[in-house]
Each structure stands twice: as C-alpha cells, then as structure tokens.
Amino acid sequence: MEMKLSGWSEPEQAIAKTAFDSAYQRAIGALIAAVRTQVDDLTSADAVWQLHDFLSIQRHVIEGRFDFRSDGILFVFASLVKEGLLQVDELAGLDEEKLTKVKAMSRF
C-alpha cells in the first residue's frame, strides 16, 4: 500500500518518493559495505555476535529514520540531507516553502 502525503500535489509526492527511495538505497548500500568489512574480520564467535548486535542496531536506526509520513517527512528529508544521504537538489520541484524548511532544518 502506497503512503500518500496529505497536502502534497501528485508531482510533489512523486519527487518525494523518488528522493526518499534513493536515500534509502544509499543507506542500505553503506550498511552492506560496513557489513562486508566486518565479515572479513570475523575470527571468533564473539565477532559473530558483535555483527549480530550491529545489524540489530542498524535495523532499528534505519527503520526509525525512514518514515514516509506527511506529518514528519520534512524532518526526515532534513535529517537525510544533514547525514549526506540526500542532496537538496533531489527535492527540486517541491513547493518553495517545503524546500526552505528542509534547508533550514538540515543546518541544525
């Protein structure tokens, strides 16, 4: 079921979803790279359990970070910009007020 953003035009929703999905794929790509590095260093049961703990924490972080709901999506975008997972220009086409809010919030 596709989530709709209340108060957003259809083109804005398409832009937001594309940007959101791109940032998600970047986050997953970074996670995969980190896991590959850790797997190369597995030499003990403790290392395996540490990898398990790392993955559990990362799953919690990613699921919390990537929340596509209208009541908080601008905060999500600002956070993703701040973390380098999203560029503001990927949101081009959104209403200027929304872009201004994302830019401002991403500075803090």
N, C-alpha and C. Protein backbone atom coordinates (compact mmCIF):
# COMPACT_ATOMS: atom_id res chain seq x y z
N MET A 1 0.84 -1.18 0.00
CA MET A 1 0.00 0.00 0.00
C MET A 1 0.89 1.24 0.00
N GLU A 2 0.69 2.09 -0.97
CA GLU A 2 1.48 3.31 -1.13
C GLU A 2 0.97 4.38 -0.17
N MET A 3 1.91 4.98 0.56
CA MET A 3 1.57 6.03 1.51
C MET A 3 1.42 7.34 0.75
N LYS A 4 0.37 8.09 1.02
CA LYS A 4 0.13 9.40 0.39
C LYS A 4 0.46 10.49 1.39
N LEU A 5 1.01 11.58 0.87
CA LEU A 5 1.35 12.72 1.71
C LEU A 5 0.22 13.73 1.63
N SER A 6 -0.42 13.96 2.74
CA SER A 6 -1.54 14.90 2.81
C SER A 6 -1.04 16.32 2.53
N GLY A 7 -1.73 17.03 1.65
CA GLY A 7 -1.37 18.40 1.34
C GLY A 7 -0.25 18.53 0.31
N TRP A 8 0.14 17.43 -0.29
CA TRP A 8 1.19 17.43 -1.31
C TRP A 8 0.55 17.11 -2.66
N SER A 9 0.97 17.82 -3.70
CA SER A 9 0.46 17.54 -5.05
C SER A 9 1.00 16.19 -5.51
N GLU A 10 0.39 15.64 -6.53
CA GLU A 10 0.86 14.36 -7.09
C GLU A 10 2.32 14.47 -7.55
N PRO A 11 2.69 15.54 -8.30
CA PRO A 11 4.10 15.65 -8.70
C PRO A 11 5.05 15.75 -7.49
N GLU A 12 4.64 16.48 -6.46
CA GLU A 12 5.47 16.58 -5.25
C GLU A 12 5.62 15.22 -4.58
N GLN A 13 4.55 14.46 -4.53
CA GLN A 13 4.62 13.14 -3.93
C GLN A 13 5.57 12.23 -4.71
N ALA A 14 5.55 12.33 -6.02
CA ALA A 14 6.45 11.52 -6.84
C ALA A 14 7.90 11.92 -6.60
N ILE A 15 8.18 13.22 -6.52
CA ILE A 15 9.53 13.71 -6.24
C ILE A 15 9.98 13.23 -4.86
N ALA A 16 9.10 13.38 -3.88
CA ALA A 16 9.42 12.99 -2.51
C ALA A 16 9.71 11.49 -2.42
N LYS A 17 8.90 10.68 -3.07
CA LYS A 17 9.08 9.23 -3.01
C LYS A 17 10.38 8.81 -3.70
N THR A 18 10.68 9.42 -4.83
CA THR A 18 11.93 9.10 -5.53
C THR A 18 13.14 9.48 -4.69
N ALA A 19 13.12 10.67 -4.09
CA ALA A 19 14.22 11.12 -3.24
C ALA A 19 14.36 10.22 -2.02
N PHE A 20 13.24 9.89 -1.41
CA PHE A 20 13.21 9.04 -0.23
C PHE A 20 13.81 7.67 -0.55
N ASP A 21 13.35 7.08 -1.66
CA ASP A 21 13.84 5.76 -2.06
C ASP A 21 15.33 5.78 -2.38
N SER A 22 15.80 6.86 -3.03
CA SER A 22 17.23 6.98 -3.34
C SER A 22 18.06 7.05 -2.07
N ALA A 23 17.61 7.85 -1.11
CA ALA A 23 18.34 7.97 0.16
C ALA A 23 18.34 6.62 0.90
N TYR A 24 17.23 5.92 0.86
CA TYR A 24 17.14 4.60 1.50
C TYR A 24 18.16 3.64 0.87
N GLN A 25 18.23 3.64 -0.45
CA GLN A 25 19.17 2.75 -1.14
C GLN A 25 20.61 3.12 -0.79
N ARG A 26 20.90 4.40 -0.64
CA ARG A 26 22.25 4.82 -0.22
C ARG A 26 22.56 4.31 1.19
N ALA A 27 21.59 4.43 2.09
CA ALA A 27 21.79 3.97 3.46
C ALA A 27 22.03 2.47 3.49
N ILE A 28 21.25 1.73 2.72
CA ILE A 28 21.42 0.28 2.67
C ILE A 28 22.76 -0.08 2.04
N GLY A 29 23.15 0.65 1.02
CA GLY A 29 24.45 0.41 0.40
C GLY A 29 25.60 0.62 1.39
N ALA A 30 25.50 1.68 2.18
CA ALA A 30 26.53 1.94 3.20
C ALA A 30 26.54 0.84 4.25
N LEU A 31 25.35 0.38 4.63
CA LEU A 31 25.26 -0.72 5.60
C LEU A 31 25.89 -1.99 5.05
N ILE A 32 25.60 -2.31 3.81
CA ILE A 32 26.17 -3.51 3.19
C ILE A 32 27.69 -3.42 3.16
N ALA A 33 28.21 -2.25 2.81
CA ALA A 33 29.66 -2.07 2.78
C ALA A 33 30.26 -2.27 4.18
N ALA A 34 29.59 -1.73 5.20
CA ALA A 34 30.08 -1.89 6.57
C ALA A 34 30.04 -3.35 7.00
N VAL A 35 28.98 -4.05 6.61
CA VAL A 35 28.86 -5.47 6.97
C VAL A 35 29.95 -6.29 6.26
N ARG A 36 30.20 -5.99 5.01
CA ARG A 36 31.25 -6.72 4.28
C ARG A 36 32.60 -6.55 4.98
N THR A 37 32.88 -5.34 5.43
CA THR A 37 34.14 -5.09 6.14
C THR A 37 34.20 -5.91 7.42
N GLN A 38 33.09 -5.92 8.15
CA GLN A 38 33.07 -6.66 9.41
C GLN A 38 33.15 -8.16 9.18
N VAL A 39 32.52 -8.65 8.13
CA VAL A 39 32.55 -10.09 7.83
C VAL A 39 33.98 -10.53 7.54
N ASP A 40 34.73 -9.68 6.86
CA ASP A 40 36.13 -10.02 6.56
C ASP A 40 36.95 -10.20 7.83
N ASP A 41 36.51 -9.57 8.93
CA ASP A 41 37.24 -9.64 10.19
C ASP A 41 36.68 -10.67 11.18
N LEU A 42 35.73 -11.48 10.74
CA LEU A 42 35.16 -12.48 11.64
C LEU A 42 36.18 -13.57 11.94
N THR A 43 36.54 -13.68 13.20
CA THR A 43 37.52 -14.69 13.57
C THR A 43 37.10 -15.46 14.82
N SER A 44 35.94 -15.07 15.39
CA SER A 44 35.52 -15.73 16.62
C SER A 44 34.00 -15.64 16.76
N ALA A 45 33.50 -16.43 17.70
CA ALA A 45 32.06 -16.37 18.00
C ALA A 45 31.69 -14.98 18.50
N ASP A 46 32.55 -14.36 19.31
CA ASP A 46 32.28 -13.01 19.80
C ASP A 46 32.11 -12.02 18.65
N ALA A 47 32.94 -12.16 17.63
CA ALA A 47 32.84 -11.28 16.48
C ALA A 47 31.51 -11.48 15.75
N VAL A 48 31.05 -12.72 15.68
CA VAL A 48 29.76 -13.02 15.06
C VAL A 48 28.63 -12.34 15.84
N TRP A 49 28.68 -12.45 17.17
CA TRP A 49 27.62 -11.85 17.99
C TRP A 49 27.68 -10.32 17.92
N GLN A 50 28.88 -9.77 17.82
CA GLN A 50 29.01 -8.32 17.65
C GLN A 50 28.40 -7.87 16.33
N LEU A 51 28.61 -8.67 15.28
CA LEU A 51 28.00 -8.36 13.98
C LEU A 51 26.48 -8.42 14.09
N HIS A 52 25.99 -9.42 14.79
CA HIS A 52 24.54 -9.54 15.01
C HIS A 52 24.00 -8.30 15.72
N ASP A 53 24.69 -7.88 16.78
CA ASP A 53 24.26 -6.70 17.53
C ASP A 53 24.30 -5.45 16.65
N PHE A 54 25.36 -5.31 15.87
CA PHE A 54 25.49 -4.18 14.95
C PHE A 54 24.31 -4.15 13.98
N LEU A 55 23.97 -5.30 13.39
CA LEU A 55 22.86 -5.37 12.45
C LEU A 55 21.52 -5.05 13.13
N SER A 56 21.34 -5.52 14.34
CA SER A 56 20.10 -5.22 15.07
C SER A 56 19.95 -3.73 15.31
N ILE A 57 21.03 -3.10 15.72
CA ILE A 57 21.01 -1.65 15.96
C ILE A 57 20.75 -0.91 14.65
N GLN A 58 21.44 -1.30 13.59
CA GLN A 58 21.27 -0.62 12.30
C GLN A 58 19.85 -0.78 11.76
N ARG A 59 19.26 -1.94 11.97
CA ARG A 59 17.88 -2.13 11.52
C ARG A 59 16.95 -1.17 12.26
N HIS A 60 17.15 -1.04 13.54
CA HIS A 60 16.33 -0.12 14.35
C HIS A 60 16.53 1.32 13.87
N VAL A 61 17.77 1.71 13.63
CA VAL A 61 18.08 3.07 13.19
C VAL A 61 17.47 3.35 11.82
N ILE A 62 17.65 2.44 10.88
CA ILE A 62 17.14 2.65 9.53
C ILE A 62 15.62 2.66 9.51
N GLU A 63 15.00 1.74 10.22
CA GLU A 63 13.53 1.73 10.23
C GLU A 63 12.97 2.99 10.89
N GLY A 64 13.68 3.52 11.89
CA GLY A 64 13.24 4.76 12.53
C GLY A 64 13.48 5.98 11.66
N ARG A 65 14.58 5.98 10.93
CA ARG A 65 14.96 7.12 10.09
C ARG A 65 14.07 7.24 8.87
N PHE A 66 13.72 6.13 8.26
CA PHE A 66 12.98 6.16 7.00
C PHE A 66 11.49 5.95 7.24
N ASP A 67 10.85 7.05 7.59
CA ASP A 67 9.42 7.06 7.90
C ASP A 67 8.75 8.02 6.92
N PHE A 68 8.01 7.48 5.96
CA PHE A 68 7.40 8.28 4.88
C PHE A 68 5.97 8.65 5.24
N ARG A 69 5.84 9.58 6.19
CA ARG A 69 4.51 10.10 6.56
C ARG A 69 4.55 11.61 6.48
N SER A 70 3.43 12.21 6.07
CA SER A 70 3.40 13.65 5.84
C SER A 70 3.68 14.47 7.08
N ASP A 71 3.31 13.97 8.26
CA ASP A 71 3.50 14.78 9.47
C ASP A 71 4.96 14.95 9.85
N GLY A 72 5.85 14.18 9.29
CA GLY A 72 7.26 14.32 9.65
C GLY A 72 8.22 14.21 8.49
N ILE A 73 7.71 14.18 7.27
CA ILE A 73 8.58 13.92 6.13
C ILE A 73 9.62 15.03 5.91
N LEU A 74 9.27 16.27 6.21
CA LEU A 74 10.26 17.34 6.03
C LEU A 74 11.41 17.18 7.02
N PHE A 75 11.11 16.72 8.23
CA PHE A 75 12.17 16.44 9.21
C PHE A 75 13.04 15.28 8.72
N VAL A 76 12.40 14.27 8.14
CA VAL A 76 13.14 13.13 7.60
C VAL A 76 14.08 13.60 6.50
N PHE A 77 13.56 14.41 5.58
CA PHE A 77 14.40 14.91 4.50
C PHE A 77 15.55 15.76 5.04
N ALA A 78 15.28 16.61 6.00
CA ALA A 78 16.34 17.45 6.59
C ALA A 78 17.41 16.58 7.23
N SER A 79 17.00 15.56 7.93
CA SER A 79 17.94 14.64 8.57
C SER A 79 18.78 13.92 7.53
N LEU A 80 18.15 13.48 6.45
CA LEU A 80 18.87 12.77 5.40
C LEU A 80 19.86 13.68 4.69
N VAL A 81 19.48 14.95 4.50
CA VAL A 81 20.40 15.92 3.90
C VAL A 81 21.59 16.13 4.84
N LYS A 82 21.29 16.31 6.10
CA LYS A 82 22.35 16.55 7.09
C LYS A 82 23.33 15.37 7.14
N GLU A 83 22.83 14.17 6.99
CA GLU A 83 23.65 12.97 7.05
C GLU A 83 24.33 12.63 5.73
N GLY A 84 24.05 13.41 4.69
CA GLY A 84 24.67 13.18 3.40
C GLY A 84 24.05 12.07 2.57
N LEU A 85 22.88 11.61 2.98
CA LEU A 85 22.19 10.55 2.24
C LEU A 85 21.28 11.11 1.15
N LEU A 86 21.08 12.43 1.17
CA LEU A 86 20.19 13.10 0.23
C LEU A 86 20.75 14.48 -0.05
N GLN A 87 20.63 14.91 -1.29
CA GLN A 87 21.00 16.27 -1.67
C GLN A 87 19.73 17.09 -1.85
N VAL A 88 19.77 18.34 -1.45
CA VAL A 88 18.58 19.20 -1.56
C VAL A 88 18.09 19.25 -3.01
N ASP A 89 19.02 19.25 -3.96
CA ASP A 89 18.59 19.34 -5.36
C ASP A 89 17.76 18.13 -5.81
N GLU A 90 17.82 17.03 -5.06
CA GLU A 90 16.98 15.87 -5.38
C GLU A 90 15.51 16.15 -5.04
N LEU A 91 15.27 17.22 -4.30
CA LEU A 91 13.92 17.62 -3.93
C LEU A 91 13.39 18.74 -4.82
N ALA A 92 14.15 19.09 -5.85
CA ALA A 92 13.73 20.14 -6.78
C ALA A 92 12.36 19.80 -7.34
N GLY A 93 11.51 20.79 -7.33
CA GLY A 93 10.13 20.60 -7.80
C GLY A 93 9.13 20.63 -6.67
N LEU A 94 9.64 20.51 -5.43
CA LEU A 94 8.75 20.69 -4.28
C LEU A 94 8.44 22.17 -4.14
N ASP A 95 7.35 22.46 -3.51
CA ASP A 95 6.95 23.83 -3.21
C ASP A 95 8.11 24.54 -2.47
N GLU A 96 8.34 25.80 -2.79
CA GLU A 96 9.48 26.55 -2.25
C GLU A 96 9.47 26.59 -0.72
N GLU A 97 8.30 26.66 -0.11
CA GLU A 97 8.20 26.67 1.36
C GLU A 97 8.73 25.36 1.95
N LYS A 98 8.41 24.25 1.33
CA LYS A 98 8.90 22.95 1.80
C LYS A 98 10.42 22.88 1.67
N LEU A 99 10.93 23.32 0.52
CA LEU A 99 12.38 23.30 0.31
C LEU A 99 13.11 24.19 1.32
N THR A 100 12.54 25.36 1.58
CA THR A 100 13.14 26.28 2.55
C THR A 100 13.19 25.65 3.93
N LYS A 101 12.12 24.97 4.32
CA LYS A 101 12.09 24.30 5.62
C LYS A 101 13.14 23.20 5.70
N VAL A 102 13.25 22.40 4.66
CA VAL A 102 14.24 21.31 4.65
C VAL A 102 15.64 21.89 4.76
N LYS A 103 15.93 22.94 3.98
CA LYS A 103 17.25 23.57 4.03
C LYS A 103 17.55 24.10 5.43
N ALA A 104 16.59 24.80 6.00
CA ALA A 104 16.80 25.39 7.32
C ALA A 104 17.00 24.31 8.40
N MET A 105 16.17 23.30 8.40
CA MET A 105 16.26 22.25 9.42
C MET A 105 17.53 21.41 9.25
N SER A 106 18.03 21.29 8.04
CA SER A 106 19.22 20.46 7.82
C SER A 106 20.49 21.12 8.36
N ARG A 107 20.40 22.39 8.71
CA ARG A 107 21.57 23.10 9.26
C ARG A 107 21.75 22.85 10.75
N PHE A 108 20.75 22.29 11.41
CA PHE A 108 20.83 22.10 12.87
C PHE A 108 21.02 20.66 13.25
